[in-house]
């Protein structure tokens, strides 16, 4: 169910899903949910996010007892660039859109929302990050575009010590961009 949901429903590249499975970043729990595992710098599991795979019953949640200042991430130990997202699905979608580039040479972090606790922790654990690319949602269909407001705020705050850039999805989020691109190819 995990593989079908991510590749068919969410249009994420099968090779990206396979890489994340092999790296133990994701797995399917006994209920068929996808579990996104959050590791610290030392490889210790600190938290996990769950996402339901049943499209008729949306489910999203955190595994109880986690330290959610530790976000879901793909880490390249030698990276100097970090891409920041609101959700794990958008992180994987962005990588799928850019998989023909050397994506393995950068690091990627999902905040699990819009709070920057996970970003602060990540930067303290990986001080060699010199460039941050904020890839937050573009909620133009809502009264407040919270994703882009946060991207602007974080770009100013973190830009005092690092280079920052904002990548704005042309649709609601990076998964919508990926699914739209997938539909155009069909």
N, C-alpha and C. Protein backbone atom coordinates (compact mmCIF):
# COMPACT_ATOMS: atom_id res chain seq x y z
N UNK A 1 0.83 -1.21 0.00
CA UNK A 1 0.00 0.00 0.00
C UNK A 1 0.86 1.25 0.00
N UNK A 2 1.93 1.26 0.77
CA UNK A 2 2.83 2.41 0.84
C UNK A 2 3.35 2.76 -0.55
N UNK A 3 3.88 1.76 -1.24
CA UNK A 3 4.48 1.99 -2.55
C UNK A 3 3.43 2.48 -3.55
N UNK A 4 2.27 1.84 -3.56
CA UNK A 4 1.20 2.24 -4.48
C UNK A 4 0.72 3.66 -4.18
N UNK A 5 0.53 3.97 -2.91
CA UNK A 5 0.06 5.30 -2.54
C UNK A 5 1.06 6.38 -2.98
N UNK A 6 2.33 6.16 -2.65
CA UNK A 6 3.32 7.19 -2.97
C UNK A 6 3.57 7.32 -4.47
N UNK A 7 3.59 6.21 -5.20
CA UNK A 7 3.90 6.29 -6.63
C UNK A 7 2.68 6.56 -7.50
N UNK A 8 1.54 6.01 -7.15
CA UNK A 8 0.34 6.18 -7.99
C UNK A 8 -0.49 7.40 -7.56
N UNK A 9 -0.82 7.50 -6.29
CA UNK A 9 -1.66 8.61 -5.82
C UNK A 9 -0.87 9.90 -5.74
N UNK A 10 0.35 9.82 -5.23
CA UNK A 10 1.17 11.02 -5.02
C UNK A 10 2.21 11.26 -6.12
N UNK A 11 2.31 10.35 -7.09
CA UNK A 11 3.16 10.50 -8.28
C UNK A 11 4.66 10.57 -7.97
N UNK A 12 5.07 10.14 -6.79
CA UNK A 12 6.49 10.19 -6.43
C UNK A 12 7.23 9.10 -7.19
N UNK A 13 8.40 9.44 -7.65
CA UNK A 13 9.21 8.52 -8.46
C UNK A 13 9.49 7.22 -7.69
N UNK A 14 9.27 6.06 -8.32
CA UNK A 14 9.54 4.79 -7.65
C UNK A 14 10.98 4.66 -7.14
N UNK A 15 11.94 5.24 -7.86
CA UNK A 15 13.33 5.13 -7.39
C UNK A 15 13.55 5.95 -6.12
N UNK A 16 12.84 7.05 -5.97
CA UNK A 16 12.95 7.85 -4.74
C UNK A 16 12.32 7.08 -3.58
N UNK A 17 11.16 6.49 -3.81
CA UNK A 17 10.50 5.69 -2.77
C UNK A 17 11.42 4.54 -2.35
N UNK A 18 12.00 3.86 -3.32
CA UNK A 18 12.91 2.75 -3.03
C UNK A 18 14.10 3.22 -2.22
N UNK A 19 14.71 4.35 -2.61
CA UNK A 19 15.84 4.89 -1.85
C UNK A 19 15.44 5.17 -0.41
N UNK A 20 14.29 5.78 -0.19
CA UNK A 20 13.85 6.12 1.16
C UNK A 20 13.53 4.87 1.97
N UNK A 21 12.97 3.84 1.32
CA UNK A 21 12.73 2.57 2.01
C UNK A 21 14.05 1.92 2.42
N UNK A 22 15.00 1.87 1.49
CA UNK A 22 16.30 1.24 1.78
C UNK A 22 17.06 1.99 2.87
N UNK A 23 16.91 3.31 2.91
CA UNK A 23 17.59 4.11 3.95
C UNK A 23 16.82 4.11 5.27
N UNK A 24 15.71 3.35 5.33
CA UNK A 24 14.88 3.25 6.53
C UNK A 24 14.31 4.60 6.98
N UNK A 25 14.06 5.46 6.00
CA UNK A 25 13.44 6.75 6.28
C UNK A 25 11.92 6.63 6.33
N UNK A 26 11.39 5.63 5.62
CA UNK A 26 9.96 5.37 5.61
C UNK A 26 9.72 3.87 5.73
N UNK A 27 8.54 3.53 6.26
CA UNK A 27 8.09 2.14 6.25
C UNK A 27 6.57 2.13 6.40
N UNK A 28 5.97 0.96 6.20
CA UNK A 28 4.52 0.82 6.36
C UNK A 28 4.24 0.15 7.69
N UNK A 29 3.35 0.76 8.49
CA UNK A 29 3.01 0.15 9.78
C UNK A 29 1.94 -0.93 9.59
N UNK A 30 1.54 -1.59 10.66
CA UNK A 30 0.60 -2.70 10.58
C UNK A 30 -0.79 -2.27 10.10
N UNK A 31 -1.09 -0.97 10.16
CA UNK A 31 -2.38 -0.46 9.70
C UNK A 31 -2.34 0.01 8.25
N UNK A 32 -1.21 -0.11 7.61
CA UNK A 32 -1.06 0.32 6.23
C UNK A 32 -0.68 1.78 6.08
N UNK A 33 -0.41 2.48 7.18
CA UNK A 33 0.02 3.87 7.13
C UNK A 33 1.50 3.96 6.76
N UNK A 34 1.88 5.06 6.17
CA UNK A 34 3.30 5.33 5.92
C UNK A 34 3.84 5.99 7.18
N UNK A 35 4.98 5.53 7.64
CA UNK A 35 5.64 6.14 8.78
C UNK A 35 6.90 6.82 8.26
N UNK A 36 7.01 8.12 8.51
CA UNK A 36 8.18 8.91 8.14
C UNK A 36 9.03 9.04 9.41
N UNK A 37 10.23 8.47 9.40
CA UNK A 37 11.06 8.38 10.59
C UNK A 37 12.00 9.59 10.67
N UNK A 38 12.06 10.20 11.83
CA UNK A 38 12.90 11.38 12.07
C UNK A 38 14.11 10.98 12.91
N UNK A 39 15.29 11.08 12.31
CA UNK A 39 16.54 10.72 12.99
C UNK A 39 17.31 11.96 13.39
N UNK A 40 18.07 11.85 14.47
CA UNK A 40 19.00 12.92 14.82
C UNK A 40 20.34 12.67 14.12
N UNK A 41 21.30 13.53 14.34
CA UNK A 41 22.61 13.44 13.69
C UNK A 41 23.32 12.12 13.97
N UNK A 42 23.00 11.50 15.10
CA UNK A 42 23.68 10.28 15.51
C UNK A 42 22.95 9.01 15.08
N UNK A 43 21.91 9.18 14.26
CA UNK A 43 21.17 8.03 13.75
C UNK A 43 20.14 7.47 14.71
N UNK A 44 19.83 8.21 15.76
CA UNK A 44 18.82 7.78 16.73
C UNK A 44 17.45 8.28 16.29
N UNK A 45 16.46 7.42 16.37
CA UNK A 45 15.09 7.82 16.04
C UNK A 45 14.58 8.73 17.15
N UNK A 46 14.11 9.91 16.77
CA UNK A 46 13.61 10.88 17.74
C UNK A 46 12.10 11.13 17.62
N UNK A 47 11.56 10.88 16.44
CA UNK A 47 10.13 11.13 16.21
C UNK A 47 9.70 10.42 14.94
N UNK A 48 8.40 10.40 14.69
CA UNK A 48 7.87 9.82 13.46
C UNK A 48 6.51 10.45 13.15
N UNK A 49 6.24 10.60 11.86
CA UNK A 49 4.96 11.11 11.36
C UNK A 49 4.25 9.94 10.68
N UNK A 50 2.94 9.90 10.78
CA UNK A 50 2.15 8.88 10.07
C UNK A 50 1.29 9.57 9.03
N UNK A 51 1.13 8.87 7.92
CA UNK A 51 0.24 9.35 6.85
C UNK A 51 -0.56 8.17 6.36
N UNK A 52 -1.88 8.29 6.37
CA UNK A 52 -2.73 7.21 5.89
C UNK A 52 -2.60 7.01 4.39
N UNK A 53 -2.79 5.78 3.94
CA UNK A 53 -2.72 5.46 2.52
C UNK A 53 -4.11 5.24 1.93
N UNK A 54 -5.14 5.27 2.76
CA UNK A 54 -6.51 5.09 2.30
C UNK A 54 -7.02 6.46 1.86
N UNK A 55 -7.20 6.64 0.56
CA UNK A 55 -7.57 7.95 0.03
C UNK A 55 -8.99 8.38 0.40
N UNK A 56 -9.84 7.45 0.82
CA UNK A 56 -11.20 7.82 1.21
C UNK A 56 -11.28 8.25 2.68
N UNK A 57 -10.25 7.99 3.46
CA UNK A 57 -10.19 8.42 4.86
C UNK A 57 -8.84 9.06 5.12
N UNK A 58 -8.78 10.38 5.01
CA UNK A 58 -7.50 11.09 5.22
C UNK A 58 -7.05 10.93 6.67
N UNK A 59 -5.79 10.60 6.83
CA UNK A 59 -5.24 10.48 8.18
C UNK A 59 -3.81 11.00 8.18
N UNK A 60 -3.52 11.83 9.15
CA UNK A 60 -2.18 12.37 9.36
C UNK A 60 -1.99 12.52 10.85
N UNK A 61 -0.83 12.13 11.34
CA UNK A 61 -0.60 12.30 12.77
C UNK A 61 0.84 12.06 13.14
N UNK A 62 1.14 12.39 14.37
CA UNK A 62 2.48 12.17 14.91
C UNK A 62 2.44 10.93 15.79
N UNK A 63 3.52 10.18 15.82
CA UNK A 63 3.63 9.06 16.73
C UNK A 63 3.87 9.65 18.12
N UNK A 64 3.09 9.22 19.09
CA UNK A 64 3.17 9.78 20.45
C UNK A 64 4.57 9.61 21.04
N UNK A 65 4.96 10.60 21.83
CA UNK A 65 6.23 10.54 22.55
C UNK A 65 7.43 11.03 21.78
N UNK A 66 7.23 11.51 20.57
CA UNK A 66 8.36 11.97 19.74
C UNK A 66 8.84 13.36 20.10
N UNK A 67 10.06 13.63 19.75
CA UNK A 67 10.66 14.97 19.90
C UNK A 67 10.53 15.66 18.55
N UNK A 68 9.50 16.48 18.40
CA UNK A 68 9.22 17.05 17.09
C UNK A 68 10.04 18.28 16.76
N UNK A 69 11.05 18.54 17.59
CA UNK A 69 12.07 19.50 17.19
C UNK A 69 13.07 18.79 16.28
N UNK A 70 12.86 17.51 16.08
CA UNK A 70 13.68 16.72 15.15
C UNK A 70 12.78 16.40 13.97
N UNK A 71 13.06 17.00 12.82
CA UNK A 71 12.21 16.83 11.66
C UNK A 71 12.60 15.65 10.80
N UNK A 72 11.71 15.31 9.86
CA UNK A 72 11.97 14.26 8.88
C UNK A 72 12.97 14.82 7.89
N UNK A 73 14.04 14.07 7.62
CA UNK A 73 15.08 14.61 6.74
C UNK A 73 15.79 13.53 5.94
N UNK A 74 16.32 13.97 4.82
CA UNK A 74 17.30 13.20 4.06
C UNK A 74 18.59 14.00 4.21
N UNK A 75 19.63 13.36 4.73
CA UNK A 75 20.86 14.08 5.04
C UNK A 75 22.01 13.60 4.17
N UNK A 76 22.71 14.55 3.58
CA UNK A 76 24.00 14.32 2.96
C UNK A 76 25.02 14.97 3.89
N UNK A 77 25.88 14.17 4.47
CA UNK A 77 26.82 14.66 5.48
C UNK A 77 27.74 15.78 4.96
N UNK A 78 28.01 15.80 3.65
CA UNK A 78 28.92 16.79 3.08
C UNK A 78 28.19 17.97 2.44
N UNK A 79 26.88 17.99 2.57
CA UNK A 79 26.08 19.04 1.91
C UNK A 79 26.33 20.40 2.53
N UNK A 80 26.28 21.42 1.67
CA UNK A 80 26.30 22.80 2.17
C UNK A 80 24.96 23.49 1.90
N UNK A 81 24.02 22.75 1.26
CA UNK A 81 22.71 23.30 0.93
C UNK A 81 21.62 22.46 1.58
N UNK A 82 20.64 23.14 2.15
CA UNK A 82 19.49 22.50 2.78
C UNK A 82 18.21 23.03 2.14
N UNK A 83 17.34 22.11 1.72
CA UNK A 83 16.01 22.44 1.19
C UNK A 83 14.99 22.17 2.30
N UNK A 84 14.12 23.14 2.56
CA UNK A 84 13.19 23.06 3.69
C UNK A 84 11.74 23.04 3.20
N UNK A 85 10.95 22.09 3.74
CA UNK A 85 9.56 21.87 3.33
C UNK A 85 8.65 21.84 4.54
N UNK A 86 7.34 21.96 4.30
CA UNK A 86 6.36 21.81 5.37
C UNK A 86 6.11 20.34 5.69
N UNK A 87 6.06 19.48 4.66
CA UNK A 87 5.63 18.10 4.85
C UNK A 87 6.55 17.11 4.12
N UNK A 88 6.65 15.88 4.65
CA UNK A 88 7.47 14.85 4.01
C UNK A 88 7.08 14.55 2.56
N UNK A 89 5.78 14.56 2.26
CA UNK A 89 5.33 14.28 0.88
C UNK A 89 5.87 15.34 -0.07
N UNK A 90 5.88 16.60 0.34
CA UNK A 90 6.42 17.66 -0.52
C UNK A 90 7.92 17.52 -0.69
N UNK A 91 8.62 17.12 0.35
CA UNK A 91 10.05 16.87 0.27
C UNK A 91 10.33 15.81 -0.80
N UNK A 92 9.62 14.68 -0.72
CA UNK A 92 9.82 13.60 -1.69
C UNK A 92 9.37 14.01 -3.10
N UNK A 93 8.34 14.84 -3.18
CA UNK A 93 7.86 15.33 -4.48
C UNK A 93 8.91 16.22 -5.14
N UNK A 94 9.49 17.12 -4.37
CA UNK A 94 10.51 18.02 -4.89
C UNK A 94 11.71 17.23 -5.42
N UNK A 95 12.13 16.23 -4.64
CA UNK A 95 13.25 15.39 -5.09
C UNK A 95 12.86 14.66 -6.38
N UNK A 96 11.62 14.17 -6.47
CA UNK A 96 11.17 13.50 -7.69
C UNK A 96 11.22 14.42 -8.89
N UNK A 97 10.84 15.67 -8.69
CA UNK A 97 10.89 16.65 -9.78
C UNK A 97 12.33 16.94 -10.22
N UNK A 98 13.28 16.78 -9.31
CA UNK A 98 14.68 17.12 -9.58
C UNK A 98 15.60 15.90 -9.53
N UNK A 99 15.04 14.71 -9.70
CA UNK A 99 15.83 13.49 -9.51
C UNK A 99 16.92 13.28 -10.56
N UNK A 100 16.83 13.96 -11.67
CA UNK A 100 17.87 13.80 -12.70
C UNK A 100 19.06 14.72 -12.44
N UNK A 101 18.95 15.55 -11.43
CA UNK A 101 20.06 16.39 -10.98
C UNK A 101 20.74 15.65 -9.83
N UNK A 102 21.91 16.07 -9.41
CA UNK A 102 22.58 15.36 -8.29
C UNK A 102 21.94 15.68 -6.94
N UNK A 103 20.69 15.23 -6.75
CA UNK A 103 19.94 15.56 -5.54
C UNK A 103 20.57 14.96 -4.28
N UNK A 104 21.31 13.87 -4.43
CA UNK A 104 21.94 13.23 -3.27
C UNK A 104 23.02 14.10 -2.62
N UNK A 105 23.42 15.18 -3.27
CA UNK A 105 24.50 16.03 -2.75
C UNK A 105 23.98 17.16 -1.86
N UNK A 106 22.67 17.21 -1.65
CA UNK A 106 22.07 18.22 -0.78
C UNK A 106 21.34 17.52 0.36
N UNK A 107 20.94 18.30 1.35
CA UNK A 107 20.12 17.78 2.44
C UNK A 107 18.72 18.37 2.33
N UNK A 108 17.73 17.66 2.89
CA UNK A 108 16.33 18.03 2.78
C UNK A 108 15.68 17.85 4.15
N UNK A 109 14.82 18.79 4.54
CA UNK A 109 14.19 18.75 5.85
C UNK A 109 12.72 19.11 5.75
N UNK A 110 11.87 18.31 6.39
CA UNK A 110 10.46 18.65 6.54
C UNK A 110 10.26 19.16 7.96
N UNK A 111 9.64 20.32 8.08
CA UNK A 111 9.40 20.91 9.38
C UNK A 111 8.23 20.25 10.11
N UNK A 112 7.37 19.54 9.39
CA UNK A 112 6.17 18.98 10.00
C UNK A 112 5.17 20.07 10.32
N UNK A 113 5.14 21.09 9.50
CA UNK A 113 4.28 22.27 9.70
C UNK A 113 5.07 23.52 9.36
N UNK A 114 4.82 24.60 10.09
CA UNK A 114 5.51 25.85 9.79
C UNK A 114 6.41 26.35 10.91
N UNK A 115 6.43 25.69 12.05
CA UNK A 115 7.34 26.10 13.13
C UNK A 115 8.78 25.76 12.71
N UNK A 116 9.73 26.59 13.12
CA UNK A 116 11.12 26.38 12.69
C UNK A 116 11.99 25.66 13.73
N UNK A 117 11.39 25.00 14.72
CA UNK A 117 12.16 24.26 15.72
C UNK A 117 13.06 23.21 15.06
N UNK A 118 12.51 22.44 14.11
CA UNK A 118 13.29 21.40 13.45
C UNK A 118 14.44 22.01 12.63
N UNK A 119 14.21 23.18 12.05
CA UNK A 119 15.26 23.84 11.29
C UNK A 119 16.40 24.30 12.20
N UNK A 120 16.05 24.90 13.32
CA UNK A 120 17.09 25.33 14.27
C UNK A 120 17.91 24.14 14.75
N UNK A 121 17.24 23.05 15.05
CA UNK A 121 17.97 21.85 15.50
C UNK A 121 18.87 21.31 14.39
N UNK A 122 18.32 21.23 13.18
CA UNK A 122 19.10 20.70 12.06
C UNK A 122 20.37 21.53 11.86
N UNK A 123 20.23 22.83 11.87
CA UNK A 123 21.39 23.71 11.65
C UNK A 123 22.40 23.60 12.78
N UNK A 124 21.95 23.32 13.98
CA UNK A 124 22.91 23.13 15.08
C UNK A 124 23.64 21.80 14.93
N UNK A 125 22.96 20.79 14.38
CA UNK A 125 23.58 19.48 14.18
C UNK A 125 24.46 19.45 12.93
N UNK A 126 24.14 20.26 11.95
CA UNK A 126 24.90 20.31 10.68
C UNK A 126 25.33 21.75 10.41
N UNK A 127 26.33 22.23 11.12
CA UNK A 127 26.75 23.64 11.00
C UNK A 127 27.39 24.01 9.66
N UNK A 128 27.71 23.02 8.82
CA UNK A 128 28.33 23.33 7.52
C UNK A 128 27.32 23.78 6.47
N UNK A 129 26.04 23.80 6.81
CA UNK A 129 25.03 24.30 5.86
C UNK A 129 25.25 25.79 5.66
N UNK A 130 25.47 26.18 4.42
CA UNK A 130 25.74 27.58 4.07
C UNK A 130 24.60 28.22 3.28
N UNK A 131 23.72 27.38 2.72
CA UNK A 131 22.63 27.89 1.89
C UNK A 131 21.35 27.16 2.26
N UNK A 132 20.27 27.91 2.46
CA UNK A 132 18.97 27.33 2.76
C UNK A 132 17.99 27.75 1.67
N UNK A 133 17.29 26.76 1.11
CA UNK A 133 16.26 27.02 0.11
C UNK A 133 14.92 26.68 0.74
N UNK A 134 14.08 27.70 0.94
CA UNK A 134 12.77 27.49 1.53
C UNK A 134 11.78 27.13 0.44
N UNK A 135 11.19 25.95 0.56
CA UNK A 135 10.27 25.40 -0.45
C UNK A 135 8.90 25.16 0.18
N UNK A 136 8.39 26.16 0.85
CA UNK A 136 7.14 26.03 1.59
C UNK A 136 5.93 26.21 0.67
N UNK A 137 4.76 25.79 1.17
CA UNK A 137 3.54 25.81 0.36
C UNK A 137 3.20 27.22 -0.12
N UNK A 138 2.41 27.25 -1.19
CA UNK A 138 1.95 28.50 -1.79
C UNK A 138 0.42 28.51 -1.73
N UNK A 139 -0.11 28.83 -0.56
CA UNK A 139 -1.54 28.74 -0.30
C UNK A 139 -2.31 29.96 -0.81
N UNK A 140 -2.28 30.16 -2.12
CA UNK A 140 -2.96 31.33 -2.70
C UNK A 140 -4.48 31.20 -2.64
N UNK A 141 -4.98 29.99 -2.39
CA UNK A 141 -6.42 29.76 -2.32
C UNK A 141 -7.00 30.05 -0.94
N UNK A 142 -6.16 30.47 0.00
CA UNK A 142 -6.61 30.75 1.38
C UNK A 142 -6.48 32.24 1.67
N UNK A 143 -7.21 32.73 2.67
CA UNK A 143 -7.12 34.16 2.99
C UNK A 143 -5.70 34.60 3.35
N UNK A 144 -4.96 33.74 4.03
CA UNK A 144 -3.56 34.04 4.39
C UNK A 144 -2.67 32.98 3.75
N UNK A 145 -1.63 33.40 3.08
CA UNK A 145 -0.68 32.47 2.49
C UNK A 145 0.43 32.22 3.53
N UNK A 146 0.10 31.38 4.52
CA UNK A 146 0.99 31.17 5.66
C UNK A 146 2.34 30.59 5.24
N UNK A 147 2.35 29.70 4.26
CA UNK A 147 3.61 29.10 3.81
C UNK A 147 4.58 30.14 3.28
N UNK A 148 4.10 31.02 2.45
CA UNK A 148 4.99 32.03 1.88
C UNK A 148 5.33 33.13 2.88
N UNK A 149 4.41 33.41 3.79
CA UNK A 149 4.73 34.37 4.86
C UNK A 149 5.86 33.82 5.72
N UNK A 150 5.78 32.53 6.05
CA UNK A 150 6.85 31.90 6.84
C UNK A 150 8.16 31.87 6.05
N UNK A 151 8.08 31.58 4.76
CA UNK A 151 9.30 31.54 3.93
C UNK A 151 9.98 32.91 3.93
N UNK A 152 9.20 33.97 3.81
CA UNK A 152 9.77 35.33 3.82
C UNK A 152 10.42 35.63 5.18
N UNK A 153 9.71 35.30 6.24
CA UNK A 153 10.22 35.54 7.60
C UNK A 153 11.51 34.75 7.84
N UNK A 154 11.50 33.47 7.51
CA UNK A 154 12.68 32.63 7.74
C UNK A 154 13.85 33.04 6.85
N UNK A 155 13.53 33.47 5.64
CA UNK A 155 14.59 33.91 4.74
C UNK A 155 15.31 35.13 5.32
N UNK A 156 14.53 36.05 5.90
CA UNK A 156 15.14 37.22 6.55
C UNK A 156 15.96 36.80 7.78
N UNK A 157 15.35 35.98 8.64
CA UNK A 157 16.01 35.60 9.89
C UNK A 157 17.27 34.77 9.67
N UNK A 158 17.16 33.74 8.84
CA UNK A 158 18.30 32.85 8.62
C UNK A 158 19.29 33.43 7.62
N UNK A 159 18.83 34.41 6.86
CA UNK A 159 19.70 35.07 5.88
C UNK A 159 20.77 35.95 6.50
N UNK A 160 20.70 36.15 7.79
CA UNK A 160 21.72 36.95 8.47
C UNK A 160 23.04 36.20 8.56
N UNK A 161 22.97 34.85 8.54
CA UNK A 161 24.19 34.04 8.66
C UNK A 161 24.46 33.15 7.46
N UNK A 162 23.44 32.96 6.61
CA UNK A 162 23.56 32.05 5.47
C UNK A 162 22.90 32.66 4.25
N UNK A 163 23.24 32.15 3.08
CA UNK A 163 22.51 32.52 1.88
C UNK A 163 21.15 31.86 1.93
N UNK A 164 20.12 32.56 1.53
CA UNK A 164 18.79 31.96 1.49
C UNK A 164 18.14 32.25 0.15
N UNK A 165 17.24 31.37 -0.21
CA UNK A 165 16.46 31.52 -1.44
C UNK A 165 15.08 30.93 -1.17
N UNK A 166 14.09 31.40 -1.87
CA UNK A 166 12.75 30.86 -1.76
C UNK A 166 12.36 30.28 -3.11
N UNK A 167 12.01 28.99 -3.13
CA UNK A 167 11.44 28.34 -4.31
C UNK A 167 9.94 28.23 -4.08
N UNK A 168 9.17 28.93 -4.89
CA UNK A 168 7.72 28.96 -4.71
C UNK A 168 7.08 27.99 -5.71
N UNK A 169 6.31 27.02 -5.21
CA UNK A 169 5.63 26.14 -6.16
C UNK A 169 4.58 26.93 -6.94
N UNK A 170 4.43 26.60 -8.23
CA UNK A 170 3.46 27.32 -9.07
C UNK A 170 2.02 26.91 -8.75
N UNK A 171 1.86 25.82 -8.00
CA UNK A 171 0.55 25.39 -7.53
C UNK A 171 0.57 25.42 -6.00
N UNK A 172 -0.38 24.79 -5.36
CA UNK A 172 -0.52 24.82 -3.90
C UNK A 172 0.73 24.34 -3.17
N UNK A 173 1.31 23.24 -3.62
CA UNK A 173 2.51 22.69 -2.97
C UNK A 173 3.28 21.87 -3.99
N UNK A 174 4.41 21.30 -3.59
CA UNK A 174 5.28 20.58 -4.52
C UNK A 174 4.66 19.28 -4.98
N UNK A 175 3.80 18.66 -4.17
CA UNK A 175 3.15 17.45 -4.65
C UNK A 175 2.14 17.78 -5.74
N UNK A 176 1.43 18.89 -5.62
CA UNK A 176 0.50 19.31 -6.68
C UNK A 176 1.26 19.59 -7.97
N UNK A 177 2.43 20.20 -7.86
CA UNK A 177 3.26 20.46 -9.06
C UNK A 177 3.68 19.13 -9.69
N UNK A 178 4.13 18.19 -8.87
CA UNK A 178 4.56 16.89 -9.38
C UNK A 178 3.42 16.15 -10.05
N UNK A 179 2.25 16.09 -9.40
CA UNK A 179 1.11 15.38 -9.97
C UNK A 179 0.63 16.04 -11.27
N UNK A 180 0.68 17.38 -11.32
CA UNK A 180 0.30 18.08 -12.54
C UNK A 180 1.26 17.76 -13.69
N UNK A 181 2.55 17.72 -13.39
CA UNK A 181 3.56 17.38 -14.40
C UNK A 181 3.36 15.94 -14.87
N UNK A 182 3.00 15.06 -13.95
CA UNK A 182 2.76 13.66 -14.27
C UNK A 182 1.57 13.53 -15.21
N UNK A 183 0.49 14.27 -14.93
CA UNK A 183 -0.70 14.25 -15.76
C UNK A 183 -0.41 14.76 -17.17
N UNK A 184 0.43 15.78 -17.28
CA UNK A 184 0.77 16.34 -18.59
C UNK A 184 1.54 15.34 -19.45
N UNK A 185 2.31 14.47 -18.81
CA UNK A 185 3.08 13.46 -19.56
C UNK A 185 2.21 12.33 -20.05
N UNK A 186 1.03 12.13 -19.44
CA UNK A 186 0.15 11.01 -19.83
C UNK A 186 -0.58 11.28 -21.10
